[in-house]
């Protein structure tokens, strides 16, 4: 997976990514063109950081769950990775072959970063086929034991976090036709996004889930499908009550979460709301698995 991580980055730069890391003019040029679309008012909070780039995090070569997000969060100096001297070290940090030692999961699991806590709850619930709250996941365990349980879970059932936009920022907003406009101003970005989708499809298990986290990620995935002329087969439709949807694409289950989990006043905030969503999705997943032909015309090339 190390080489695939670097290959994704290489789409964004005409400079070879080998050996020592150094400021990359290619990244800066692409990020500047993207900011023309994403940050036309030049708001510093929405500025992309070309030196903080990550297309993918994964805990294994063949992922069962891939969470598609908009972009990495820029958490300031504590997120700096200057100690990683080479591009290979940067890749190994984000897609480690060994989940022990210096890697992204070791950093985010202790203390429990909220994003990965929510991801872990969702993955564990889908695996166990029932909603399992975070307090129940860590019941009777101290912080180190909870971290170890999480690590064993994502080792046994590998996960990935893929980024629609690989450059970090403190905030981000994807307006109407933003993705289409991004592709228009940057062929490098267009090629990156296509390669990212191909990697997700080819490096996941046959029973894999692609989970689009938030309205921006959902919009991005739908736009990618539209531009690629790849229709999705619908199994659960979004509604005023259901702020989520379930599709299949090339045999993979695609769960669209149009609102983030556990956001105050959101449609997927309370345990009751999340539990009902999990139950609904699992029932639909069973229908997909038991369908006479799970590989429909919608799921084929």
Protein backbone atom coordinates (compact mmCIF):
# COMPACT_ATOMS: atom_id res chain seq x y z
CA UNK A 1 0.00 0.00 0.00
CA UNK A 2 3.00 2.30 0.47
CA UNK A 3 3.61 2.54 -3.29
CA UNK A 4 -0.09 3.16 -3.94
CA UNK A 5 -0.11 6.01 -1.42
CA UNK A 6 2.85 7.65 -3.17
CA UNK A 7 1.30 7.03 -6.60
CA UNK A 8 -1.82 8.92 -5.52
CA UNK A 9 0.33 11.84 -4.41
CA UNK A 10 2.32 11.73 -7.63
CA UNK A 11 -0.81 12.64 -9.60
CA UNK A 12 -0.67 16.02 -7.85
CA UNK A 13 2.92 16.88 -8.70
CA UNK A 14 5.27 16.81 -11.68
CA UNK A 15 8.21 16.43 -9.29
CA UNK A 16 9.33 12.86 -8.50
CA UNK A 17 8.29 11.78 -5.00
CA UNK A 18 11.26 9.69 -3.98
CA UNK A 19 13.80 10.01 -1.22
CA UNK A 20 13.94 13.09 0.99
CA UNK A 21 10.79 15.12 1.58
CA UNK A 22 11.04 18.79 0.76
CA UNK A 23 8.61 21.61 -0.11
CA UNK A 24 6.85 20.50 -3.27
CA UNK A 25 6.17 23.12 -5.92
CA UNK A 26 3.75 20.80 -7.71
CA UNK A 27 1.54 20.45 -4.62
CA UNK A 28 1.58 24.21 -4.10
CA UNK A 29 0.56 24.93 -7.68
CA UNK A 30 -2.33 22.44 -7.60
CA UNK A 31 -3.50 23.67 -4.17
CA UNK A 32 -3.50 27.26 -5.39
CA UNK A 33 -5.68 26.40 -8.40
CA UNK A 34 -8.05 24.44 -6.16
CA UNK A 35 -8.32 27.37 -3.76
CA UNK A 36 -9.63 29.53 -6.60
CA UNK A 37 -12.74 27.33 -6.47
CA UNK A 38 -12.88 26.40 -2.78
CA UNK A 39 -11.74 29.65 -1.21
CA UNK A 40 -12.47 32.53 -3.60
CA UNK A 41 -12.57 35.07 -0.73
CA UNK A 42 -9.12 34.04 0.48
CA UNK A 43 -10.32 33.22 3.99
CA UNK A 44 -7.36 31.90 5.99
CA UNK A 45 -9.54 29.33 7.77
CA UNK A 46 -10.31 27.68 4.41
CA UNK A 47 -6.73 27.83 3.10
CA UNK A 48 -5.32 24.51 1.87
CA UNK A 49 -1.99 23.42 3.33
CA UNK A 50 0.09 21.91 0.50
CA UNK A 51 2.69 20.67 2.99
CA UNK A 52 0.04 18.64 4.85
CA UNK A 53 -1.16 16.16 2.30
CA UNK A 54 -2.75 12.76 2.87
CA UNK A 55 -4.92 10.94 0.31
CA UNK A 56 -5.51 7.80 2.34
CA UNK A 57 -5.18 6.15 5.73
CA UNK A 58 -5.53 2.38 5.94
CA UNK A 59 -4.98 -0.42 8.42
CA UNK A 60 -4.57 -3.17 5.83
CA UNK A 61 -4.03 -3.96 2.16
CA UNK A 62 -7.59 -5.26 1.59
CA UNK A 63 -10.02 -2.94 3.33
CA UNK A 64 -13.55 -3.92 4.30
CA UNK A 65 -14.67 -0.42 5.30
CA UNK A 66 -13.60 2.76 3.55
CA UNK A 67 -14.79 6.06 4.96
CA UNK A 68 -14.81 8.79 2.33
CA UNK A 69 -14.24 12.23 3.82
CA UNK A 70 -13.78 15.68 2.31
CA UNK A 71 -10.23 16.41 3.46
CA UNK A 72 -7.82 16.03 6.40
CA UNK A 73 -8.24 18.49 9.26
CA UNK A 74 -5.36 20.84 9.86
CA UNK A 75 -4.81 20.62 13.61
CA UNK A 76 -1.87 22.99 13.67
CA UNK A 77 1.66 22.24 14.89
CA UNK A 78 0.64 18.99 16.61
CA UNK A 79 -0.24 17.62 13.18
CA UNK A 80 3.18 18.43 11.71
CA UNK A 81 5.09 15.36 10.60
CA UNK A 82 8.52 16.87 10.10
CA UNK A 83 10.16 13.84 11.71
CA UNK A 84 9.20 11.77 8.66
CA UNK A 85 12.17 12.50 6.45
CA UNK A 86 11.24 10.64 3.26
CA UNK A 87 8.10 10.18 1.17
CA UNK A 88 8.25 6.46 1.96
CA UNK A 89 8.23 7.21 5.69
CA UNK A 90 5.23 9.51 5.22
CA UNK A 91 3.39 6.77 3.35
CA UNK A 92 4.28 4.07 5.89
CA UNK A 93 3.01 6.34 8.67
CA UNK A 94 -0.45 6.59 7.06
CA UNK A 95 -0.73 3.06 5.62
CA UNK A 96 1.30 1.00 8.10
CA UNK A 97 1.93 -2.70 7.70
CA UNK A 98 2.40 -2.92 11.48
CA UNK A 99 -0.21 -1.17 13.65
CA UNK A 100 2.27 -0.90 16.53
CA UNK A 101 4.84 1.86 16.69
CA UNK A 102 4.88 5.29 15.07
CA UNK A 103 1.84 5.49 12.80
CA UNK A 104 -1.38 7.45 12.38
CA UNK A 105 -3.47 4.99 14.36
CA UNK A 106 -1.11 5.06 17.33
CA UNK A 107 -1.52 8.86 17.41
CA UNK A 108 -5.31 9.12 17.04
CA UNK A 109 -6.39 6.20 19.23
CA UNK A 110 -4.87 7.56 22.43
CA UNK A 111 -6.32 9.95 23.28
CA UNK A 112 -9.46 8.85 21.54
CA UNK A 113 -9.90 11.32 18.67
CA UNK A 114 -13.65 11.89 18.23
CA UNK A 115 -13.60 11.21 14.48
CA UNK A 116 -12.03 7.78 14.87
CA UNK A 117 -14.19 7.02 17.87
CA UNK A 118 -17.29 7.53 15.70
CA UNK A 119 -15.77 5.55 12.85
CA UNK A 120 -14.97 2.70 15.24
CA UNK A 121 -18.49 2.69 16.66
CA UNK A 122 -20.01 2.53 13.18
CA UNK A 123 -17.68 -0.19 11.90
CA UNK A 124 -18.09 -2.31 15.04
CA UNK A 125 -21.88 -1.93 14.90
CA UNK A 126 -22.05 -3.02 11.25
CA UNK A 127 -19.80 -5.98 12.00
CA UNK A 128 -21.84 -7.04 15.04
CA UNK A 129 -25.13 -6.28 13.22
CA UNK A 130 -26.46 -4.12 16.06
CA UNK A 131 -25.77 -0.64 17.39
CA UNK A 132 -22.98 -0.67 19.95
CA UNK A 133 -22.38 2.59 21.78
CA UNK A 134 -18.84 3.73 22.49
CA UNK A 135 -19.24 3.31 26.28
CA UNK A 136 -20.24 -0.31 25.62
CA UNK A 137 -17.26 -0.82 23.29
CA UNK A 138 -14.83 0.24 26.03
CA UNK A 139 -16.79 -1.08 29.01
CA UNK A 140 -14.47 -2.35 31.73
CA UNK A 141 -11.35 -1.23 29.83
CA UNK A 142 -8.84 1.48 30.61
CA UNK A 143 -7.48 3.79 27.91
CA UNK A 144 -4.64 1.49 26.85
CA UNK A 145 -6.91 -1.56 26.76
CA UNK A 146 -9.48 0.35 24.69
CA UNK A 147 -6.75 1.36 22.26
CA UNK A 148 -5.62 -2.26 21.99
CA UNK A 149 -9.17 -3.50 21.37
CA UNK A 150 -9.64 -0.91 18.61
CA UNK A 151 -6.28 -1.83 17.07
CA UNK A 152 -7.19 -5.53 17.04
CA UNK A 153 -10.55 -4.69 15.44
CA UNK A 154 -9.04 -2.75 12.53
CA UNK A 155 -6.29 -5.34 12.12
CA UNK A 156 -8.85 -8.14 11.78
CA UNK A 157 -11.25 -6.00 9.72
CA UNK A 158 -9.10 -3.40 7.91
CA UNK A 159 -10.48 0.09 7.46
CA UNK A 160 -9.50 3.02 5.29
CA UNK A 161 -10.13 6.76 5.37
CA UNK A 162 -9.93 8.27 1.89
CA UNK A 163 -9.91 12.00 1.22
CA UNK A 164 -11.73 13.65 -1.70
CA UNK A 165 -9.36 16.60 -1.28
CA UNK A 166 -5.96 15.43 0.01
CA UNK A 167 -4.74 18.81 1.32
CA UNK A 168 -5.51 19.70 4.93
CA UNK A 169 -7.41 22.80 6.03
CA UNK A 170 -9.05 24.04 9.20
CA UNK A 171 -12.44 24.36 7.45
CA UNK A 172 -13.82 23.41 4.08
CA UNK A 173 -17.02 23.87 2.12
CA UNK A 174 -18.02 22.21 -1.14
CA UNK A 175 -20.53 24.45 -2.91
CA UNK A 176 -22.65 23.72 -5.97
CA UNK A 177 -20.62 22.34 -8.87
CA UNK A 178 -17.43 22.82 -6.85
CA UNK A 179 -16.10 19.37 -7.67
CA UNK A 180 -16.86 19.79 -11.35
CA UNK A 181 -15.08 23.15 -11.30
CA UNK A 182 -12.10 21.68 -9.44
CA UNK A 183 -11.68 19.08 -12.16
CA UNK A 184 -11.90 21.80 -14.79
CA UNK A 185 -9.12 23.94 -13.29
CA UNK A 186 -6.79 21.06 -12.46
CA UNK A 187 -6.22 17.99 -14.62
CA UNK A 188 -3.88 16.74 -11.87
CA UNK A 189 -6.75 16.76 -9.39
CA UNK A 190 -9.13 15.09 -11.87
CA UNK A 191 -6.62 12.27 -12.40
CA UNK A 192 -6.07 11.97 -8.64
CA UNK A 193 -9.78 11.59 -7.92
CA UNK A 194 -10.24 8.95 -10.59
CA UNK A 195 -7.22 7.01 -9.28
CA UNK A 196 -8.53 7.26 -5.70
CA UNK A 197 -11.85 5.70 -6.68
CA UNK A 198 -10.10 2.94 -8.62
CA UNK A 199 -7.90 2.20 -5.61
CA UNK A 200 -10.92 1.98 -3.32
CA UNK A 201 -12.72 -0.44 -5.63
CA UNK A 202 -9.69 -2.64 -6.31
CA UNK A 203 -8.29 -2.75 -2.76
CA UNK A 204 -11.44 -3.65 -0.86
CA UNK A 205 -12.96 -7.00 -0.03
CA UNK A 206 -15.89 -8.41 -2.00
CA UNK A 207 -18.25 -7.55 0.88
CA UNK A 208 -16.79 -4.07 1.38
CA UNK A 209 -18.60 -0.92 2.47
CA UNK A 210 -17.89 2.59 1.21
CA UNK A 211 -19.20 5.08 3.77
CA UNK A 212 -19.55 8.70 2.65
CA UNK A 213 -19.28 10.77 5.80
CA UNK A 214 -21.21 14.05 5.66
CA UNK A 215 -23.09 15.92 2.95
CA UNK A 216 -19.90 17.11 1.25
CA UNK A 217 -18.49 13.60 0.84
CA UNK A 218 -21.88 12.33 -0.33
CA UNK A 219 -22.10 15.13 -2.88
CA UNK A 220 -18.57 14.37 -4.06
CA UNK A 221 -19.26 10.66 -4.55
CA UNK A 222 -22.50 11.36 -6.40
CA UNK A 223 -20.71 13.86 -8.64
CA UNK A 224 -17.94 11.37 -9.38
CA UNK A 225 -20.54 8.82 -10.41
CA UNK A 226 -22.31 11.37 -12.58
CA UNK A 227 -19.13 12.41 -14.34
CA UNK A 228 -18.11 8.79 -14.79
CA UNK A 229 -21.64 7.86 -16.01
CA UNK A 230 -21.78 5.12 -13.41
CA UNK A 231 -25.31 4.74 -12.00
CA UNK A 232 -25.89 3.49 -8.47
CA UNK A 233 -28.52 0.95 -7.50
CA UNK A 234 -30.63 2.35 -4.67
CA UNK A 235 -31.71 0.27 -1.65
CA UNK A 236 -32.58 2.98 0.89
CA UNK A 237 -33.58 6.50 -0.20
CA UNK A 238 -32.92 9.70 1.69
CA UNK A 239 -36.01 11.42 3.09
CA UNK A 240 -36.99 14.11 5.58
CA UNK A 241 -36.70 11.49 8.30
CA UNK A 242 -33.82 9.44 6.92
CA UNK A 243 -30.71 11.55 6.40
CA UNK A 244 -28.89 8.60 4.89
CA UNK A 245 -29.13 6.32 1.87
CA UNK A 246 -27.79 2.94 0.79
CA UNK A 247 -26.63 2.04 -2.71
CA UNK A 248 -24.53 -0.60 -4.42
CA UNK A 249 -21.71 0.21 -6.80
CA UNK A 250 -19.57 -2.46 -8.48
CA UNK A 251 -20.66 -4.94 -5.82
CA UNK A 252 -19.75 -2.64 -2.93
CA UNK A 253 -22.30 -1.28 -0.47
CA UNK A 254 -22.28 2.52 -0.42
CA UNK A 255 -23.70 4.11 2.73
CA UNK A 256 -24.37 7.83 2.35
CA UNK A 257 -24.49 9.68 5.67
CA UNK A 258 -25.81 13.10 4.68
CA UNK A 259 -25.23 14.28 8.24
CA UNK A 260 -22.32 13.43 10.49
CA UNK A 261 -22.87 11.12 13.43
CA UNK A 262 -23.23 12.69 16.87
CA UNK A 263 -23.63 16.29 15.73
CA UNK A 264 -25.78 18.37 18.08
CA UNK A 265 -29.34 18.82 16.76
CA UNK A 266 -28.51 16.57 13.79
CA UNK A 267 -30.67 13.79 12.41
CA UNK A 268 -28.05 11.20 13.44
CA UNK A 269 -27.19 12.53 16.88
CA UNK A 270 -29.06 10.53 19.51
CA UNK A 271 -28.50 6.86 20.27
CA UNK A 272 -32.07 6.19 19.16
CA UNK A 273 -31.51 7.85 15.77
CA UNK A 274 -28.21 6.08 15.14
CA UNK A 275 -29.59 2.74 16.34
CA UNK A 276 -32.59 3.01 14.01
CA UNK A 277 -30.28 3.84 11.09
CA UNK A 278 -28.01 0.86 11.82
CA UNK A 279 -31.02 -1.48 12.04
CA UNK A 280 -32.45 -0.15 8.77
CA UNK A 281 -29.13 -0.43 6.96
CA UNK A 282 -28.48 -3.98 8.18
CA UNK A 283 -31.93 -5.10 6.99
CA UNK A 284 -31.26 -3.59 3.56
CA UNK A 285 -27.78 -5.16 3.55
CA UNK A 286 -29.39 -8.56 4.07
CA UNK A 287 -31.66 -7.90 1.09
CA UNK A 288 -28.61 -7.10 -1.03
CA UNK A 289 -26.82 -10.26 0.10
CA UNK A 290 -29.89 -12.41 -0.57
CA UNK A 291 -30.82 -10.83 -3.91
CA UNK A 292 -30.92 -13.39 -6.77
CA UNK A 293 -28.26 -11.43 -8.65
CA UNK A 294 -26.20 -9.20 -6.38
CA UNK A 295 -24.08 -8.16 -9.35
CA UNK A 296 -26.75 -6.29 -11.30
CA UNK A 297 -26.24 -4.27 -14.43
CA UNK A 298 -25.78 -1.27 -12.15
CA UNK A 299 -22.72 -2.83 -10.58
CA UNK A 300 -20.88 -3.89 -13.71
CA UNK A 301 -18.47 -2.05 -15.96
